[in-house]
Amino acid sequence: MGYLYLAIAIIAEVIATSALKSSEQFSRLIPSTIVVIGYATAFYFLSLVLKTIPVGVAYAIWAGLGIVLVAIIGAVFFKQTPDTPAILGMLLIITGVVVINVFSNTISH
């Protein structure tokens, strides 16, 4: 269940972060509501994750995948295309998440 909760936390955080731009500094009600509910959901499910996955590993996966997914949404919906160094950096983040999940002894496989 830990990884299912982690996936929910990541999706909620990505939705909230994506809505943050549309909230226009919390001046628009619907996007602002999405931000608050999204972050509350993300942190709630992240807290459930910590029952089964170590905090450092869970946070690394949550933050790393969140960064990449928000960058993709930024490129698609906000036309904020990352340059080559940014793409390379995100590939390194994904590689790090894979290394943690495949090789780390701190999580059960």
PDB file of N, CA and C in Angstrom:
ATOM      1  N   MET A   1       0.814  -1.200   0.000  1.00  0.00           N
ATOM      2  CA  MET A   1       0.000   0.000   0.000  1.00  0.00           C
ATOM      3  C   MET A   1       0.858   1.265   0.000  1.00  0.00           C
ATOM      4  N   GLY A   2       2.095   1.150   0.490  1.00  0.00           N
ATOM      5  CA  GLY A   2       2.963   2.315   0.583  1.00  0.00           C
ATOM      6  C   GLY A   2       3.168   2.998  -0.754  1.00  0.00           C
ATOM      7  N   TYR A   3       3.405   2.204  -1.789  1.00  0.00           N
ATOM      8  CA  TYR A   3       3.657   2.807  -3.100  1.00  0.00           C
ATOM      9  C   TYR A   3       2.382   3.354  -3.734  1.00  0.00           C
ATOM     10  N   LEU A   4       1.243   2.745  -3.435  1.00  0.00           N
ATOM     11  CA  LEU A   4      -0.025   3.302  -3.914  1.00  0.00           C
ATOM     12  C   LEU A   4      -0.269   4.663  -3.263  1.00  0.00           C
ATOM     13  N   TYR A   5      -0.065   4.740  -1.957  1.00  0.00           N
ATOM     14  CA  TYR A   5      -0.212   6.018  -1.251  1.00  0.00           C
ATOM     15  C   TYR A   5       0.789   7.050  -1.760  1.00  0.00           C
ATOM     16  N   LEU A   6       1.997   6.592  -2.062  1.00  0.00           N
ATOM     17  CA  LEU A   6       3.009   7.508  -2.589  1.00  0.00           C
ATOM     18  C   LEU A   6       2.586   8.047  -3.955  1.00  0.00           C
ATOM     19  N   ALA A   7       2.025   7.197  -4.789  1.00  0.00           N
ATOM     20  CA  ALA A   7       1.547   7.647  -6.104  1.00  0.00           C
ATOM     21  C   ALA A   7       0.434   8.680  -5.946  1.00  0.00           C
ATOM     22  N   ILE A   8      -0.482   8.446  -5.010  1.00  0.00           N
ATOM     23  CA  ILE A   8      -1.564   9.406  -4.764  1.00  0.00           C
ATOM     24  C   ILE A   8      -0.983  10.727  -4.270  1.00  0.00           C
ATOM     25  N   ALA A   9      -0.006  10.663  -3.363  1.00  0.00           N
ATOM     26  CA  ALA A   9       0.630  11.872  -2.839  1.00  0.00           C
ATOM     27  C   ALA A   9       1.312  12.660  -3.950  1.00  0.00           C
ATOM     28  N   ILE A  10       1.994  11.960  -4.834  1.00  0.00           N
ATOM     29  CA  ILE A  10       2.693  12.623  -5.948  1.00  0.00           C
ATOM     30  C   ILE A  10       1.686  13.281  -6.888  1.00  0.00           C
ATOM     31  N   ILE A  11       0.642  12.565  -7.247  1.00  0.00           N
ATOM     32  CA  ILE A  11      -0.367  13.115  -8.168  1.00  0.00           C
ATOM     33  C   ILE A  11      -1.038  14.340  -7.554  1.00  0.00           C
ATOM     34  N   ALA A  12      -1.387  14.249  -6.269  1.00  0.00           N
ATOM     35  CA  ALA A  12      -2.027  15.390  -5.596  1.00  0.00           C
ATOM     36  C   ALA A  12      -1.098  16.601  -5.551  1.00  0.00           C
ATOM     37  N   GLU A  13       0.180  16.349  -5.277  1.00  0.00           N
ATOM     38  CA  GLU A  13       1.152  17.447  -5.223  1.00  0.00           C
ATOM     39  C   GLU A  13       1.345  18.076  -6.600  1.00  0.00           C
ATOM     40  N   VAL A  14       1.377  17.272  -7.638  1.00  0.00           N
ATOM     41  CA  VAL A  14       1.542  17.787  -9.003  1.00  0.00           C
ATOM     42  C   VAL A  14       0.325  18.614  -9.414  1.00  0.00           C
ATOM     43  N   ILE A  15      -0.858  18.148  -9.068  1.00  0.00           N
ATOM     44  CA  ILE A  15      -2.079  18.909  -9.373  1.00  0.00           C
ATOM     45  C   ILE A  15      -2.058  20.243  -8.628  1.00  0.00           C
ATOM     46  N   ALA A  16      -1.720  20.197  -7.340  1.00  0.00           N
ATOM     47  CA  ALA A  16      -1.694  21.417  -6.534  1.00  0.00           C
ATOM     48  C   ALA A  16      -0.660  22.411  -7.060  1.00  0.00           C
ATOM     49  N   THR A  17       0.522  21.918  -7.364  1.00  0.00           N
ATOM     50  CA  THR A  17       1.576  22.807  -7.853  1.00  0.00           C
ATOM     51  C   THR A  17       1.211  23.394  -9.208  1.00  0.00           C
ATOM     52  N   SER A  18       0.593  22.606 -10.056  1.00  0.00           N
ATOM     53  CA  SER A  18       0.177  23.103 -11.366  1.00  0.00           C
ATOM     54  C   SER A  18      -0.913  24.163 -11.225  1.00  0.00           C
ATOM     55  N   ALA A  19      -1.805  23.993 -10.278  1.00  0.00           N
ATOM     56  CA  ALA A  19      -2.877  24.971 -10.055  1.00  0.00           C
ATOM     57  C   ALA A  19      -2.350  26.246  -9.407  1.00  0.00           C
ATOM     58  N   LEU A  20      -1.189  26.152  -8.769  1.00  0.00           N
ATOM     59  CA  LEU A  20      -0.619  27.315  -8.088  1.00  0.00           C
ATOM     60  C   LEU A  20      -0.411  28.482  -9.054  1.00  0.00           C
ATOM     61  N   LYS A  21       0.064  28.189 -10.246  1.00  0.00           N
ATOM     62  CA  LYS A  21       0.261  29.253 -11.240  1.00  0.00           C
ATOM     63  C   LYS A  21      -1.077  29.879 -11.622  1.00  0.00           C
ATOM     64  N   SER A  22      -2.084  29.046 -11.807  1.00  0.00           N
ATOM     65  CA  SER A  22      -3.405  29.550 -12.200  1.00  0.00           C
ATOM     66  C   SER A  22      -4.113  30.305 -11.080  1.00  0.00           C
ATOM     67  N   SER A  23      -3.683  30.090  -9.838  1.00  0.00           N
ATOM     68  CA  SER A  23      -4.339  30.777  -8.714  1.00  0.00           C
ATOM     69  C   SER A  23      -4.025  32.273  -8.703  1.00  0.00           C
ATOM     70  N   GLU A  24      -2.989  32.673  -9.433  1.00  0.00           N
ATOM     71  CA  GLU A  24      -2.566  34.075  -9.511  1.00  0.00           C
ATOM     72  C   GLU A  24      -2.443  34.690  -8.115  1.00  0.00           C
ATOM     73  N   GLN A  25      -1.498  34.125  -7.347  1.00  0.00           N
ATOM     74  CA  GLN A  25      -1.212  34.558  -5.972  1.00  0.00           C
ATOM     75  C   GLN A  25      -2.451  34.447  -5.084  1.00  0.00           C
ATOM     76  N   PHE A  26      -3.187  33.357  -5.237  1.00  0.00           N
ATOM     77  CA  PHE A  26      -4.387  33.065  -4.455  1.00  0.00           C
ATOM     78  C   PHE A  26      -5.484  34.118  -4.625  1.00  0.00           C
ATOM     79  N   SER A  27      -5.547  34.734  -5.784  1.00  0.00           N
ATOM     80  CA  SER A  27      -6.590  35.726  -6.058  1.00  0.00           C
ATOM     81  C   SER A  27      -7.771  35.126  -6.822  1.00  0.00           C
ATOM     82  N   ARG A  28      -7.630  33.880  -7.273  1.00  0.00           N
ATOM     83  CA  ARG A  28      -8.712  33.197  -7.993  1.00  0.00           C
ATOM     84  C   ARG A  28      -9.176  32.016  -7.146  1.00  0.00           C
ATOM     85  N   LEU A  29     -10.465  31.928  -6.878  1.00  0.00           N
ATOM     86  CA  LEU A  29     -11.015  30.983  -5.914  1.00  0.00           C
ATOM     87  C   LEU A  29     -10.815  29.515  -6.298  1.00  0.00           C
ATOM     88  N   ILE A  30     -11.210  29.131  -7.484  1.00  0.00           N
ATOM     89  CA  ILE A  30     -11.179  27.707  -7.836  1.00  0.00           C
ATOM     90  C   ILE A  30      -9.752  27.166  -7.886  1.00  0.00           C
ATOM     91  N   PRO A  31      -8.824  27.807  -8.591  1.00  0.00           N
ATOM     92  CA  PRO A  31      -7.454  27.292  -8.559  1.00  0.00           C
ATOM     93  C   PRO A  31      -6.853  27.311  -7.149  1.00  0.00           C
ATOM     94  N   SER A  32      -7.181  28.329  -6.361  1.00  0.00           N
ATOM     95  CA  SER A  32      -6.662  28.412  -4.993  1.00  0.00           C
ATOM     96  C   SER A  32      -7.191  27.265  -4.141  1.00  0.00           C
ATOM     97  N   THR A  33      -8.453  26.921  -4.324  1.00  0.00           N
ATOM     98  CA  THR A  33      -9.049  25.794  -3.602  1.00  0.00           C
ATOM     99  C   THR A  33      -8.378  24.489  -4.006  1.00  0.00           C
ATOM    100  N   ILE A  34      -8.106  24.331  -5.285  1.00  0.00           N
ATOM    101  CA  ILE A  34      -7.411  23.134  -5.768  1.00  0.00           C
ATOM    102  C   ILE A  34      -6.028  23.037  -5.135  1.00  0.00           C
ATOM    103  N   VAL A  35      -5.339  24.157  -5.015  1.00  0.00           N
ATOM    104  CA  VAL A  35      -4.007  24.169  -4.391  1.00  0.00           C
ATOM    105  C   VAL A  35      -4.088  23.675  -2.957  1.00  0.00           C
ATOM    106  N   VAL A  36      -4.992  24.240  -2.178  1.00  0.00           N
ATOM    107  CA  VAL A  36      -5.088  23.890  -0.757  1.00  0.00           C
ATOM    108  C   VAL A  36      -5.495  22.428  -0.576  1.00  0.00           C
ATOM    109  N   ILE A  37      -6.508  21.993  -1.300  1.00  0.00           N
ATOM    110  CA  ILE A  37      -6.959  20.600  -1.185  1.00  0.00           C
ATOM    111  C   ILE A  37      -5.880  19.648  -1.697  1.00  0.00           C
ATOM    112  N   GLY A  38      -5.228  20.017  -2.783  1.00  0.00           N
ATOM    113  CA  GLY A  38      -4.179  19.167  -3.349  1.00  0.00           C
ATOM    114  C   GLY A  38      -3.013  18.974  -2.404  1.00  0.00           C
ATOM    115  N   TYR A  39      -2.528  20.061  -1.812  1.00  0.00           N
ATOM    116  CA  TYR A  39      -1.402  19.939  -0.879  1.00  0.00           C
ATOM    117  C   TYR A  39      -1.812  19.206   0.393  1.00  0.00           C
ATOM    118  N   ALA A  40      -3.019  19.452   0.886  1.00  0.00           N
ATOM    119  CA  ALA A  40      -3.488  18.724   2.074  1.00  0.00           C
ATOM    120  C   ALA A  40      -3.556  17.226   1.785  1.00  0.00           C
ATOM    121  N   THR A  41      -4.072  16.879   0.630  1.00  0.00           N
ATOM    122  CA  THR A  41      -4.146  15.469   0.229  1.00  0.00           C
ATOM    123  C   THR A  41      -2.749  14.877   0.086  1.00  0.00           C
ATOM    124  N   ALA A  42      -1.860  15.614  -0.556  1.00  0.00           N
ATOM    125  CA  ALA A  42      -0.496  15.125  -0.769  1.00  0.00           C
ATOM    126  C   ALA A  42       0.200  14.843   0.558  1.00  0.00           C
ATOM    127  N   PHE A  43       0.119  15.782   1.487  1.00  0.00           N
ATOM    128  CA  PHE A  43       0.797  15.582   2.771  1.00  0.00           C
ATOM    129  C   PHE A  43       0.134  14.499   3.607  1.00  0.00           C
ATOM    130  N   TYR A  44      -1.184  14.371   3.525  1.00  0.00           N
ATOM    131  CA  TYR A  44      -1.861  13.294   4.246  1.00  0.00           C
ATOM    132  C   TYR A  44      -1.367  11.929   3.751  1.00  0.00           C
ATOM    133  N   PHE A  45      -1.377  11.739   2.432  1.00  0.00           N
ATOM    134  CA  PHE A  45      -0.951  10.446   1.902  1.00  0.00           C
ATOM    135  C   PHE A  45       0.548  10.219   2.090  1.00  0.00           C
ATOM    136  N   LEU A  46       1.335  11.292   2.042  1.00  0.00           N
ATOM    137  CA  LEU A  46       2.753  11.136   2.326  1.00  0.00           C
ATOM    138  C   LEU A  46       2.951  10.672   3.763  1.00  0.00           C
ATOM    139  N   SER A  47       2.138  11.159   4.685  1.00  0.00           N
ATOM    140  CA  SER A  47       2.251  10.710   6.075  1.00  0.00           C
ATOM    141  C   SER A  47       1.913   9.225   6.204  1.00  0.00           C
ATOM    142  N   LEU A  48       0.974   8.732   5.402  1.00  0.00           N
ATOM    143  CA  LEU A  48       0.651   7.302   5.413  1.00  0.00           C
ATOM    144  C   LEU A  48       1.800   6.471   4.844  1.00  0.00           C
ATOM    145  N   VAL A  49       2.459   7.013   3.846  1.00  0.00           N
ATOM    146  CA  VAL A  49       3.584   6.329   3.213  1.00  0.00           C
ATOM    147  C   VAL A  49       4.682   6.052   4.235  1.00  0.00           C
ATOM    148  N   LEU A  50       4.883   6.995   5.153  1.00  0.00           N
ATOM    149  CA  LEU A  50       5.997   6.901   6.099  1.00  0.00           C
ATOM    150  C   LEU A  50       5.844   5.764   7.100  1.00  0.00           C
ATOM    151  N   LYS A  51       4.692   5.089   7.100  1.00  0.00           N
ATOM    152  CA  LYS A  51       4.524   3.896   7.933  1.00  0.00           C
ATOM    153  C   LYS A  51       5.309   2.715   7.367  1.00  0.00           C
ATOM    154  N   THR A  52       5.543   2.731   6.050  1.00  0.00           N
ATOM    155  CA  THR A  52       6.167   1.567   5.405  1.00  0.00           C
ATOM    156  C   THR A  52       7.441   1.877   4.632  1.00  0.00           C
ATOM    157  N   ILE A  53       7.648   3.129   4.267  1.00  0.00           N
ATOM    158  CA  ILE A  53       8.827   3.503   3.483  1.00  0.00           C
ATOM    159  C   ILE A  53       9.606   4.549   4.278  1.00  0.00           C
ATOM    160  N   PRO A  54      10.932   4.401   4.396  1.00  0.00           N
ATOM    161  CA  PRO A  54      11.721   5.391   5.135  1.00  0.00           C
ATOM    162  C   PRO A  54      11.533   6.799   4.575  1.00  0.00           C
ATOM    163  N   VAL A  55      11.545   7.798   5.473  1.00  0.00           N
ATOM    164  CA  VAL A  55      11.242   9.174   5.098  1.00  0.00           C
ATOM    165  C   VAL A  55      12.165   9.701   3.997  1.00  0.00           C
ATOM    166  N   GLY A  56      13.452   9.409   4.063  1.00  0.00           N
ATOM    167  CA  GLY A  56      14.384   9.904   3.052  1.00  0.00           C
ATOM    168  C   GLY A  56      14.095   9.345   1.673  1.00  0.00           C
ATOM    169  N   VAL A  57      13.794   8.069   1.620  1.00  0.00           N
ATOM    170  CA  VAL A  57      13.494   7.413   0.347  1.00  0.00           C
ATOM    171  C   VAL A  57      12.155   7.914  -0.194  1.00  0.00           C
ATOM    172  N   ALA A  58      11.136   7.968   0.669  1.00  0.00           N
ATOM    173  CA  ALA A  58       9.814   8.420   0.237  1.00  0.00           C
ATOM    174  C   ALA A  58       9.887   9.848  -0.291  1.00  0.00           C
ATOM    175  N   TYR A  59      10.594  10.708   0.433  1.00  0.00           N
ATOM    176  CA  TYR A  59      10.673  12.106   0.021  1.00  0.00           C
ATOM    177  C   TYR A  59      11.475  12.261  -1.272  1.00  0.00           C
ATOM    178  N   ALA A  60      12.529  11.480  -1.426  1.00  0.00           N
ATOM    179  CA  ALA A  60      13.319  11.547  -2.659  1.00  0.00           C
ATOM    180  C   ALA A  60      12.466  11.170  -3.870  1.00  0.00           C
ATOM    181  N   ILE A  61      11.683  10.125  -3.729  1.00  0.00           N
ATOM    182  CA  ILE A  61      10.824   9.693  -4.830  1.00  0.00           C
ATOM    183  C   ILE A  61       9.731  10.730  -5.078  1.00  0.00           C
ATOM    184  N   TRP A  62       9.101  11.186  -3.999  1.00  0.00           N
ATOM    185  CA  TRP A  62       8.008  12.159  -4.094  1.00  0.00           C
ATOM    186  C   TRP A  62       8.485  13.458  -4.757  1.00  0.00           C
ATOM    187  N   ALA A  63       9.571  13.983  -4.268  1.00  0.00           N
ATOM    188  CA  ALA A  63      10.081  15.242  -4.803  1.00  0.00           C
ATOM    189  C   ALA A  63      10.616  15.078  -6.224  1.00  0.00           C
ATOM    190  N   GLY A  64      11.372  14.013  -6.459  1.00  0.00           N
ATOM    191  CA  GLY A  64      11.969  13.801  -7.773  1.00  0.00           C
ATOM    192  C   GLY A  64      10.939  13.634  -8.867  1.00  0.00           C
ATOM    193  N   LEU A  65       9.981  12.756  -8.640  1.00  0.00           N
ATOM    194  CA  LEU A  65       8.950  12.558  -9.660  1.00  0.00           C
ATOM    195  C   LEU A  65       8.050  13.777  -9.777  1.00  0.00           C
ATOM    196  N   GLY A  66       7.814  14.457  -8.660  1.00  0.00           N
ATOM    197  CA  GLY A  66       7.020  15.684  -8.705  1.00  0.00           C
ATOM    198  C   GLY A  66       7.665  16.738  -9.585  1.00  0.00           C
ATOM    199  N   ILE A  67       8.979  16.898  -9.438  1.00  0.00           N
ATOM    200  CA  ILE A  67       9.714  17.875 -10.255  1.00  0.00           C
ATOM    201  C   ILE A  67       9.546  17.571 -11.741  1.00  0.00           C
ATOM    202  N   VAL A  68       9.742  16.331 -12.100  1.00  0.00           N
ATOM    203  CA  VAL A  68       9.675  15.942 -13.514  1.00  0.00           C
ATOM    204  C   VAL A  68       8.253  16.111 -14.054  1.00  0.00           C
ATOM    205  N   LEU A  69       7.264  15.659 -13.300  1.00  0.00           N
ATOM    206  CA  LEU A  69       5.878  15.760 -13.775  1.00  0.00           C
ATOM    207  C   LEU A  69       5.418  17.209 -13.877  1.00  0.00           C
ATOM    208  N   VAL A  70       5.786  18.034 -12.905  1.00  0.00           N
ATOM    209  CA  VAL A  70       5.414  19.462 -12.983  1.00  0.00           C
ATOM    210  C   VAL A  70       6.103  20.120 -14.174  1.00  0.00           C
ATOM    211  N   ALA A  71       7.334  19.753 -14.457  1.00  0.00           N
ATOM    212  CA  ALA A  71       8.031  20.309 -15.623  1.00  0.00           C
ATOM    213  C   ALA A  71       7.327  19.907 -16.917  1.00  0.00           C
ATOM    214  N   ILE A  72       6.860  18.681 -16.988  1.00  0.00           N
ATOM    215  CA  ILE A  72       6.129  18.229 -18.178  1.00  0.00           C
ATOM    216  C   ILE A  72       4.822  19.002 -18.327  1.00  0.00           C
ATOM    217  N   ILE A  73       4.096  19.157 -17.217  1.00  0.00           N
ATOM    218  CA  ILE A  73       2.842  19.922 -17.261  1.00  0.00           C
ATOM    219  C   ILE A  73       3.123  21.380 -17.631  1.00  0.00           C
ATOM    220  N   GLY A  74       4.194  21.943 -17.089  1.00  0.00           N
ATOM    221  CA  GLY A  74       4.572  23.309 -17.441  1.00  0.00           C
ATOM    222  C   GLY A  74       4.847  23.462 -18.924  1.00  0.00           C
ATOM    223  N   ALA A  75       5.496  22.468 -19.505  1.00  0.00           N
ATOM    224  CA  ALA A  75       5.803  22.516 -20.931  1.00  0.00           C
ATOM    225  C   ALA A  75       4.541  22.385 -21.780  1.00  0.00           C
ATOM    226  N   VAL A  76       3.649  21.486 -21.380  1.00  0.00           N
ATOM    227  CA  VAL A  76       2.456  21.213 -22.182  1.00  0.00           C
ATOM    228  C   VAL A  76       1.411  22.321 -22.042  1.00  0.00           C
ATOM    229  N   PHE A  77       1.120  22.731 -20.805  1.00  0.00           N
ATOM    230  CA  PHE A  77       0.006  23.649 -20.574  1.00  0.00           C
ATOM    231  C   PHE A  77       0.406  25.123 -20.489  1.00  0.00           C
ATOM    232  N   PHE A  78       1.633  25.395 -20.057  1.00  0.00           N
ATOM    233  CA  PHE A  78       2.058  26.777 -19.873  1.00  0.00           C
ATOM    234  C   PHE A  78       3.144  27.196 -20.860  1.00  0.00           C
ATOM    235  N   LYS A  79       3.492  26.304 -21.788  1.00  0.00           N
ATOM    236  CA  LYS A  79       4.513  26.583 -22.811  1.00  0.00           C
ATOM    237  C   LYS A  79       5.856  26.984 -22.195  1.00  0.00           C
ATOM    238  N   GLN A  80       6.200  26.378 -21.049  1.00  0.00           N
ATOM    239  CA  GLN A  80       7.470  26.633 -20.361  1.00  0.00           C
ATOM    240  C   GLN A  80       8.422  25.470 -20.666  1.00  0.00           C
ATOM    241  N   THR A  81       8.955  25.467 -21.860  1.00  0.00           N
ATOM    242  CA  THR A  81       9.785  24.368 -22.326  1.00  0.00           C
ATOM    243  C   THR A  81      11.157  24.399 -21.650  1.00  0.00           C
ATOM    244  N   PRO A  82      11.548  23.289 -21.003  1.00  0.00           N
ATOM    245  CA  PRO A  82      12.874  23.248 -20.371  1.00  0.00           C
ATOM    246  C   PRO A  82      13.978  23.167 -21.427  1.00  0.00           C
ATOM    247  N   ASP A  83      15.125  23.773 -21.114  1.00  0.00           N
ATOM    248  CA  ASP A  83      16.252  23.699 -22.039  1.00  0.00           C
ATOM    249  C   ASP A  83      17.015  22.392 -21.808  1.00  0.00           C
ATOM    250  N   THR A  84      18.062  22.192 -22.586  1.00  0.00           N
ATOM    251  CA  THR A  84      18.821  20.935 -22.535  1.00  0.00           C
ATOM    252  C   THR A  84      19.405  20.642 -21.153  1.00  0.00           C
ATOM    253  N   PRO A  85      20.046  21.607 -20.467  1.00  0.00           N
ATOM    254  CA  PRO A  85      20.551  21.303 -19.121  1.00  0.00           C
ATOM    255  C   PRO A  85      19.432  20.904 -18.143  1.00  0.00           C
ATOM    256  N   ALA A  86      18.260  21.532 -18.257  1.00  0.00           N
ATOM    257  CA  ALA A  86      17.146  21.174 -17.383  1.00  0.00           C
ATOM    258  C   ALA A  86      16.670  19.751 -17.664  1.00  0.00           C
ATOM    259  N   ILE A  87      16.588  19.404 -18.929  1.00  0.00           N
ATOM    260  CA  ILE A  87      16.178  18.045 -19.296  1.00  0.00           C
ATOM    261  C   ILE A  87      17.206  17.029 -18.794  1.00  0.00           C
ATOM    262  N   LEU A  88      18.478  17.339 -18.962  1.00  0.00           N
ATOM    263  CA  LEU A  88      19.534  16.458 -18.458  1.00  0.00           C
ATOM    264  C   LEU A  88      19.418  16.287 -16.946  1.00  0.00           C
ATOM    265  N   GLY A  89      19.201  17.376 -16.242  1.00  0.00           N
ATOM    266  CA  GLY A  89      19.035  17.309 -14.792  1.00  0.00           C
ATOM    267  C   GLY A  89      17.861  16.444 -14.399  1.00  0.00           C
ATOM    268  N   MET A  90      16.752  16.569 -15.102  1.00  0.00           N
ATOM    269  CA  MET A  90      15.577  15.737 -14.800  1.00  0.00           C
ATOM    270  C   MET A  90      15.833  14.269 -15.105  1.00  0.00           C
ATOM    271  N   LEU A  91      16.585  13.996 -16.154  1.00  0.00           N
ATOM    272  CA  LEU A  91      16.960  12.604 -16.433  1.00  0.00           C
ATOM    273  C   LEU A  91      17.814  12.036 -15.301  1.00  0.00           C
ATOM    274  N   LEU A  92      18.689  12.863 -14.747  1.00  0.00           N
ATOM    275  CA  LEU A  92      19.499  12.419 -13.598  1.00  0.00           C
ATOM    276  C   LEU A  92      18.613  12.168 -12.373  1.00  0.00           C
ATOM    277  N   ILE A  93      17.597  12.990 -12.180  1.00  0.00           N
ATOM    278  CA  ILE A  93      16.657  12.772 -11.076  1.00  0.00           C
ATOM    279  C   ILE A  93      15.943  11.441 -11.250  1.00  0.00           C
ATOM    280  N   ILE A  94      15.442  11.183 -12.455  1.00  0.00           N
ATOM    281  CA  ILE A  94      14.753   9.911 -12.727  1.00  0.00           C
ATOM    282  C   ILE A  94      15.700   8.750 -12.498  1.00  0.00           C
ATOM    283  N   THR A  95      16.944   8.885 -12.955  1.00  0.00           N
ATOM    284  CA  THR A  95      17.944   7.836 -12.738  1.00  0.00           C
ATOM    285  C   THR A  95      18.142   7.591 -11.243  1.00  0.00           C
ATOM    286  N   GLY A  96      18.201   8.653 -10.460  1.00  0.00           N
ATOM    287  CA  GLY A  96      18.354   8.514  -9.014  1.00  0.00           C
ATOM    288  C   GLY A  96      17.200   7.777  -8.384  1.00  0.00           C
ATOM    289  N   VAL A  97      15.983   8.080  -8.805  1.00  0.00           N
ATOM    290  CA  VAL A  97      14.805   7.389  -8.277  1.00  0.00           C
ATOM    291  C   VAL A  97      14.860   5.906  -8.631  1.00  0.00           C
ATOM    292  N   VAL A  98      15.250   5.595  -9.852  1.00  0.00           N
ATOM    293  CA  VAL A  98      15.378   4.188 -10.263  1.00  0.00           C
ATOM    294  C   VAL A  98      16.450   3.479  -9.436  1.00  0.00           C
ATOM    295  N   VAL A  99      17.594   4.116  -9.244  1.00  0.00           N
ATOM    296  CA  VAL A  99      18.674   3.510  -8.456  1.00  0.00           C
ATOM    297  C   VAL A  99      18.203   3.227  -7.033  1.00  0.00           C
ATOM    298  N   ILE A 100      17.506   4.186  -6.425  1.00  0.00           N
ATOM    299  CA  ILE A 100      16.989   3.972  -5.072  1.00  0.00           C
ATOM    300  C   ILE A 100      16.064   2.765  -5.043  1.00  0.00           C
ATOM    301  N   ASN A 101      15.142   2.686  -5.984  1.00  0.00           N
ATOM    302  CA  ASN A 101      14.155   1.611  -5.975  1.00  0.00           C
ATOM    303  C   ASN A 101      14.721   0.248  -6.333  1.00  0.00           C
ATOM    304  N   VAL A 102      15.729   0.222  -7.163  1.00  0.00           N
ATOM    305  CA  VAL A 102      16.264  -1.066  -7.609  1.00  0.00           C
ATOM    306  C   VAL A 102      17.385  -1.571  -6.701  1.00  0.00           C
ATOM    307  N   PHE A 103      18.249  -0.675  -6.242  1.00  0.00           N
ATOM    308  CA  PHE A 103      19.459  -1.118  -5.557  1.00  0.00           C
ATOM    309  C   PHE A 103      19.522  -0.840  -4.065  1.00  0.00           C
ATOM    310  N   SER A 104      18.700   0.053  -3.543  1.00  0.00           N
ATOM    311  CA  SER A 104      18.818   0.435  -2.135  1.00  0.00           C
ATOM    312  C   SER A 104      18.338  -0.676  -1.202  1.00  0.00           C
ATOM    313  N   ASN A 105      19.060  -0.901  -0.141  1.00  0.00           N
ATOM    314  CA  ASN A 105      18.660  -1.866   0.877  1.00  0.00           C
ATOM    315  C   ASN A 105      17.745  -1.243   1.924  1.00  0.00           C
ATOM    316  N   THR A 106      17.508   0.068   1.845  1.00  0.00           N
ATOM    317  CA  THR A 106      16.662   0.733   2.839  1.00  0.00           C
ATOM    318  C   THR A 106      15.187   0.518   2.595  1.00  0.00           C
ATOM    319  N   ILE A 107      14.829  -0.011   1.428  1.00  0.00           N
ATOM    320  CA  ILE A 107      13.421  -0.328   1.155  1.00  0.00           C
ATOM    321  C   ILE A 107      13.325  -1.795   0.805  1.00  0.00           C
ATOM    322  N   SER A 108      12.152  -2.376   1.096  1.00  0.00           N
ATOM    323  CA  SER A 108      11.958  -3.783   0.736  1.00  0.00           C
ATOM    324  C   SER A 108      11.533  -3.871  -0.716  1.00  0.00           C
ATOM    325  N   HIS A 109      12.077  -4.851  -1.384  1.00  0.00           N
ATOM    326  CA  HIS A 109      11.789  -5.012  -2.824  1.00  0.00           C
ATOM    327  C   HIS A 109      10.796  -6.123  -3.044  1.00  0.00           C
TER     328      HIS A 109
END
